[in-house]
Amino acid sequence: MMKVLYAEDERQLSVAVVEILKMEGFDVTPVYDGEEALEALDKDYFDAVVLDIMMPKKDGIEVLEAMRQNGNHTCVLMLTAKATLDDRIAGLSTGADDYLSKPFAMKELVARLQSLIRRNNDYRHSVIKYANIELNSNTCELRSDKGSLRLNNPEAELLTYLVRNVGRIFSAEEINEAVWGGKESPEKAELYLYYLKNKLRQIHADVVVIEDDTFMLKEELS
């Protein structure tokens, strides 16, 4: 069941929307101001967040800013009573994934939430994170907080395997068998490991490939 946080200070509207969303199969937690929204986000995990821009204590933009600053990248749909370009730009530039102007049709809200959650789930499955790096396995883009570059397919496959087996020690033969089904050679596996080690260094990753006849990925503590 998809979990949604619904932050809306108009109580009658909230009751109606929450009831319909539950009928559509969502597990909904309603809150009525920005501070309640942040408290709920601290306590629980949600697949999506619906934020009304105009709320007491903290408005929707402030809640969204706090979420992103805290590293919370849950998909967010902003609700606004104003359909102005400035409102849309403010929400999207702060990190909102979509917006919907009031009054809205419930069918559109449901469709947009389903689309956001599906897209976010697809993204989570394609992005692999460890320490300060993340690898998009669809595009082979490797990023850190200090740079980015693109890996070739074997390097991306290799890093994916190492991240999923952090701390384990492998020989080049074992890596060749596990990652490429024995189709490469141990020497080529060592070459890919060498390239990967250099590329991690280029983006100042807090991750290193340890090699001494065997190989292991680990976080490098500063």
Foldseek 3Di string as FASTA:
>chain_A
DAEEEEEAQPVVVVVVLVVVVVVVPYHYDYDHALVVVLVVVVVDDGQEYEAEQDGPPHGRLRSLLVCVVVVNLRAYEYEYCDPDPVVVCSQVVSRHPYYDYPPDDSVVVNVVSVVSSVVVVVQVVQWDDDQQWIARLVQQWIAGPQDIDHDPNLLSLLVVVQSVVAPDKAALQRSCCVRVVVPDDSVVSVVSLVVNQVVCVVRPHQWHWDDDNITHIDGHDD
